[in-house]
N, C-alpha and C. Protein backbone atom coordinates (compact mmCIF):
# COMPACT_ATOMS: atom_id res chain seq x y z
N MET A 1 101.65 114.96 98.94
CA MET A 1 100.76 114.67 97.16
C MET A 1 100.91 114.78 96.18
N ASP A 2 100.92 113.81 95.17
CA ASP A 2 101.56 113.40 93.66
C ASP A 2 100.27 113.66 92.96
N THR A 3 100.85 114.60 91.78
CA THR A 3 99.95 115.43 90.96
C THR A 3 100.59 114.53 89.39
N SER A 4 99.51 114.91 88.71
CA SER A 4 100.11 114.60 87.65
C SER A 4 99.22 115.91 86.29
N LYS A 5 100.33 115.66 85.37
CA LYS A 5 99.94 116.53 84.28
C LYS A 5 98.68 116.48 83.35
N PHE A 6 98.48 117.65 83.44
CA PHE A 6 96.92 117.43 82.44
C PHE A 6 97.00 117.22 81.46
N ASP A 7 96.47 116.52 81.02
CA ASP A 7 96.28 116.25 79.50
C ASP A 7 94.76 115.75 78.96
N ILE A 8 93.60 116.43 78.12
CA ILE A 8 93.53 117.26 77.56
C ILE A 8 92.83 115.51 76.98
N ALA A 9 93.38 115.32 76.40
CA ALA A 9 93.20 114.28 75.94
C ALA A 9 92.63 113.00 76.34
N ASP A 10 93.08 112.92 78.04
CA ASP A 10 92.89 111.84 78.60
C ASP A 10 91.12 112.04 78.85
N TYR A 11 90.56 113.37 78.02
CA TYR A 11 89.03 113.39 78.78
C TYR A 11 88.25 113.80 77.17
N LEU A 12 88.85 113.42 76.09
CA LEU A 12 88.29 113.03 75.21
C LEU A 12 87.63 112.02 74.34
N ASP A 13 86.98 111.54 75.33
CA ASP A 13 86.34 110.09 74.97
C ASP A 13 85.05 109.87 74.25
N SER A 14 85.54 110.51 73.73
CA SER A 14 83.16 110.25 72.54
C SER A 14 82.97 111.68 71.82
N LYS A 15 82.39 111.09 70.87
CA LYS A 15 82.44 111.92 69.99
C LYS A 15 82.21 113.08 69.55
N GLU A 16 81.31 113.46 70.62
CA GLU A 16 80.25 115.03 71.04
C GLU A 16 81.26 115.25 72.22
N MET A 17 82.02 114.58 72.79
CA MET A 17 82.97 115.62 73.17
C MET A 17 83.91 116.75 72.42
N ILE A 18 84.76 115.21 71.82
CA ILE A 18 85.74 115.94 70.51
C ILE A 18 85.29 117.04 70.03
N ALA A 19 83.69 116.98 69.57
CA ALA A 19 83.13 118.16 68.84
C ALA A 19 83.00 119.39 69.41
N GLU A 20 82.33 118.87 70.51
CA GLU A 20 82.14 120.93 71.30
C GLU A 20 84.04 120.99 71.75
N TYR A 21 84.75 119.97 72.43
CA TYR A 21 86.30 120.76 72.18
C TYR A 21 86.62 121.85 71.22
N LEU A 22 86.52 120.69 69.67
CA LEU A 22 86.85 121.43 68.49
C LEU A 22 86.24 122.43 68.08
N ASN A 23 84.78 122.76 68.63
CA ASN A 23 84.33 123.77 67.80
C ASN A 23 84.39 125.16 68.59
N THR A 24 84.64 124.66 70.05
CA THR A 24 85.10 126.01 70.97
C THR A 24 86.45 126.49 70.96
N VAL A 25 87.53 125.28 70.39
CA VAL A 25 88.55 125.77 69.69
C VAL A 25 88.46 126.86 68.40
N LEU A 26 87.53 126.25 67.95
CA LEU A 26 87.60 127.16 66.79
C LEU A 26 86.75 127.97 66.53
N GLU A 27 85.74 128.57 67.85
CA GLU A 27 84.99 129.99 67.95
C GLU A 27 86.38 130.66 68.48
N GLU A 28 87.40 130.48 69.76
CA GLU A 28 87.97 131.41 70.30
C GLU A 28 89.47 131.22 69.87
N GLY A 29 89.92 130.08 69.16
CA GLY A 29 91.40 130.49 69.70
C GLY A 29 91.76 130.54 67.69
N ASP A 30 92.65 130.96 67.36
CA ASP A 30 94.06 130.95 66.59
C ASP A 30 94.14 129.94 66.10
N ASN A 31 95.09 129.95 64.90
CA ASN A 31 95.34 129.03 63.81
C ASN A 31 96.30 127.84 64.37
N ALA A 32 97.36 128.68 65.41
CA ALA A 32 98.08 127.47 66.06
C ALA A 32 97.13 126.65 67.28
N ASP A 33 95.83 127.39 67.91
CA ASP A 33 95.30 126.45 68.65
C ASP A 33 94.41 125.62 68.05
N VAL A 34 93.95 125.97 67.20
CA VAL A 34 93.21 124.93 65.96
C VAL A 34 94.56 123.55 66.03
N ILE A 35 96.12 123.77 64.92
CA ILE A 35 96.20 122.60 64.66
C ILE A 35 96.33 122.35 66.64
N ASN A 36 96.61 122.71 67.71
CA ASN A 36 97.08 121.80 68.52
C ASN A 36 95.86 120.89 69.40
N ALA A 37 94.80 121.48 69.21
CA ALA A 37 93.49 120.66 69.36
C ALA A 37 93.21 119.85 68.98
N ILE A 38 93.73 119.94 67.03
CA ILE A 38 93.60 118.28 66.67
C ILE A 38 94.44 117.20 66.69
N GLY A 39 95.86 117.80 67.60
CA GLY A 39 96.23 116.49 67.22
C GLY A 39 96.87 116.35 68.85
N HIS A 40 95.69 117.17 70.29
CA HIS A 40 95.37 116.37 71.18
C HIS A 40 93.74 114.76 70.57
N VAL A 41 93.22 115.63 69.88
CA VAL A 41 92.15 114.75 69.68
C VAL A 41 92.86 113.54 68.97
N ALA A 42 93.83 113.80 67.49
CA ALA A 42 94.33 112.62 67.29
C ALA A 42 94.88 111.23 68.35
N LYS A 43 95.70 112.13 69.07
CA LYS A 43 96.43 111.52 70.43
C LYS A 43 95.20 110.74 71.02
N ALA A 44 94.02 111.34 71.19
CA ALA A 44 93.01 110.82 72.46
C ALA A 44 92.41 109.58 71.22
N ILE A 45 92.32 109.43 70.65
CA ILE A 45 92.04 108.39 69.05
C ILE A 45 93.19 107.70 68.83
N GLY A 46 94.40 107.93 69.29
CA GLY A 46 95.34 107.13 68.76
C GLY A 46 96.03 107.47 67.38
N MET A 47 97.25 107.56 67.63
CA MET A 47 97.90 108.49 66.15
C MET A 47 98.41 107.35 65.29
N THR A 48 98.04 105.95 66.03
CA THR A 48 98.07 104.44 65.01
C THR A 48 97.38 104.52 64.11
N LYS A 49 95.95 104.96 64.70
CA LYS A 49 94.87 104.10 64.16
C LYS A 49 95.04 105.58 62.67
N ILE A 50 95.10 106.74 63.53
CA ILE A 50 95.25 107.81 62.70
C ILE A 50 95.89 108.19 61.47
N ALA A 51 97.56 107.73 61.32
CA ALA A 51 98.36 107.23 60.68
C ALA A 51 97.86 106.47 59.49
N GLU A 52 97.24 105.07 60.41
CA GLU A 52 96.92 103.83 59.39
C GLU A 52 95.48 104.77 57.91
N GLU A 53 94.71 105.75 59.01
CA GLU A 53 93.35 106.32 58.40
C GLU A 53 93.83 107.45 57.28
N THR A 54 94.64 108.14 57.42
CA THR A 54 95.16 109.56 56.51
C THR A 54 96.39 108.77 55.57
N GLY A 55 97.40 107.62 56.06
CA GLY A 55 98.04 107.14 54.70
C GLY A 55 99.31 108.07 54.84
N LEU A 56 99.25 108.98 55.97
CA LEU A 56 100.43 109.35 56.53
C LEU A 56 101.35 108.35 57.38
N SER A 57 102.55 108.56 57.88
CA SER A 57 102.84 108.45 58.95
C SER A 57 103.11 108.81 60.46
N ARG A 58 103.47 107.67 61.61
CA ARG A 58 103.01 108.59 63.09
C ARG A 58 104.14 109.69 62.56
N PRO A 59 105.19 109.40 62.96
CA PRO A 59 106.33 110.72 62.95
C PRO A 59 106.55 111.87 62.27
N SER A 60 104.83 111.57 60.56
CA SER A 60 104.59 113.11 60.26
C SER A 60 103.65 113.57 60.66
N LEU A 61 102.70 112.34 61.24
CA LEU A 61 101.27 112.96 61.88
C LEU A 61 102.17 113.94 63.15
N TYR A 62 103.14 113.27 64.68
CA TYR A 62 103.34 114.21 65.49
C TYR A 62 104.02 115.56 64.87
N LYS A 63 104.98 115.67 63.91
CA LYS A 63 105.34 116.95 63.47
C LYS A 63 104.62 118.09 63.15
N ALA A 64 103.66 117.23 62.36
CA ALA A 64 102.57 118.61 61.67
C ALA A 64 101.23 118.79 62.72
N LEU A 65 101.46 117.83 63.81
CA LEU A 65 100.48 118.15 64.39
C LEU A 65 101.12 119.88 65.98
N SER A 66 102.51 119.11 66.04
CA SER A 66 103.14 119.84 66.51
C SER A 66 103.04 120.76 66.97
N GLU A 67 103.50 121.87 68.64
CA GLU A 67 103.59 122.89 68.79
C GLU A 67 104.27 123.61 67.89
N GLY A 68 103.61 124.64 66.94
CA GLY A 68 104.16 125.28 66.38
C GLY A 68 104.44 125.56 64.52
N ALA A 69 103.95 123.64 64.28
CA ALA A 69 103.44 123.46 63.11
C ALA A 69 102.59 124.01 62.41
N LYS A 70 102.89 124.52 61.19
CA LYS A 70 102.08 124.70 60.28
C LYS A 70 101.81 124.08 58.79
N PRO A 71 100.68 122.89 59.53
CA PRO A 71 100.76 122.16 58.45
C PRO A 71 99.62 122.10 57.14
N GLN A 72 99.85 121.46 56.09
CA GLN A 72 99.13 122.08 55.02
C GLN A 72 98.16 121.59 55.06
N PHE A 73 97.23 122.13 54.36
CA PHE A 73 96.02 121.91 54.59
C PHE A 73 94.93 120.74 54.17
N SER A 74 96.01 119.92 53.09
CA SER A 74 95.50 118.70 52.88
C SER A 74 95.38 117.81 54.52
N THR A 75 96.70 118.40 54.70
CA THR A 75 96.77 117.22 56.46
C THR A 75 95.59 117.74 57.06
N VAL A 76 95.44 119.06 57.42
CA VAL A 76 94.14 119.07 58.56
C VAL A 76 93.19 118.07 57.76
N MET A 77 92.55 118.12 56.76
CA MET A 77 91.85 117.82 56.07
C MET A 77 91.49 116.47 56.32
N LYS A 78 92.90 115.49 56.22
CA LYS A 78 92.74 114.03 56.08
C LYS A 78 92.58 113.42 57.51
N VAL A 79 93.48 114.41 58.49
CA VAL A 79 93.08 114.38 59.66
C VAL A 79 91.60 114.07 60.41
N LEU A 80 91.06 115.74 60.32
CA LEU A 80 89.96 116.03 60.13
C LEU A 80 88.99 114.79 60.06
N LYS A 81 89.01 114.58 58.46
CA LYS A 81 88.48 113.54 58.36
C LYS A 81 88.26 111.61 59.35
N ALA A 82 89.86 111.02 59.58
CA ALA A 82 89.94 110.17 60.25
C ALA A 82 89.28 110.22 61.38
N ILE A 83 89.25 111.62 62.66
CA ILE A 83 89.14 111.79 63.71
C ILE A 83 87.42 112.06 64.01
N GLY A 84 86.83 111.81 62.14
CA GLY A 84 85.67 111.60 61.77
C GLY A 84 84.74 113.09 62.07
N GLY A 85 85.57 114.11 62.18
CA GLY A 85 85.20 115.68 61.82
C GLY A 85 84.98 115.83 60.30
N GLN A 86 84.19 116.59 60.42
CA GLN A 86 83.98 118.06 59.30
C GLN A 86 84.40 119.40 59.41
N LEU A 87 85.11 120.06 58.53
CA LEU A 87 84.43 121.79 58.25
C LEU A 87 82.89 122.23 57.89
N GLN A 88 82.38 122.57 58.84
CA GLN A 88 81.02 123.13 58.61
C GLN A 88 81.17 124.82 58.35
N VAL A 89 80.47 125.25 57.18
CA VAL A 89 80.44 127.12 57.11
C VAL A 89 79.29 127.36 57.91
N ASN A 90 78.72 128.04 58.67
CA ASN A 90 77.59 128.66 59.08
C ASN A 90 77.91 130.48 59.24
N PRO A 91 76.04 131.06 58.50
CA PRO A 91 76.35 132.13 58.90
C PRO A 91 76.59 133.11 60.07
N VAL A 92 77.69 134.25 60.22
CA VAL A 92 77.82 134.52 61.47
C VAL A 92 76.74 135.77 60.91
N SER A 93 76.16 136.25 62.00
CA SER A 93 75.49 137.05 62.97
C SER A 93 75.99 138.46 63.03
N ASN A 94 76.33 139.27 62.84
CA ASN A 94 77.25 140.51 62.82
C ASN A 94 76.45 141.48 64.31
């Protein structure tokens, strides 16, 4: 039996699914996980489209959103806006 490699980007096919995925990673992951997740979403939407909307080149996006990358905050914000997301701060109950 042939198996294929799991790619989360294949399942990020709606705004709701993307939002749920990113919110889960923001709650449970670390900085690297968040950057990686944003990269998965960008891949699901299409790097060419994200590049056009952010004004960044595709190679720059791949580099900024790759494993171990530490992109500038402005790059993260541009990509979030391009994928239809935004950051929101909610009070945490302790």
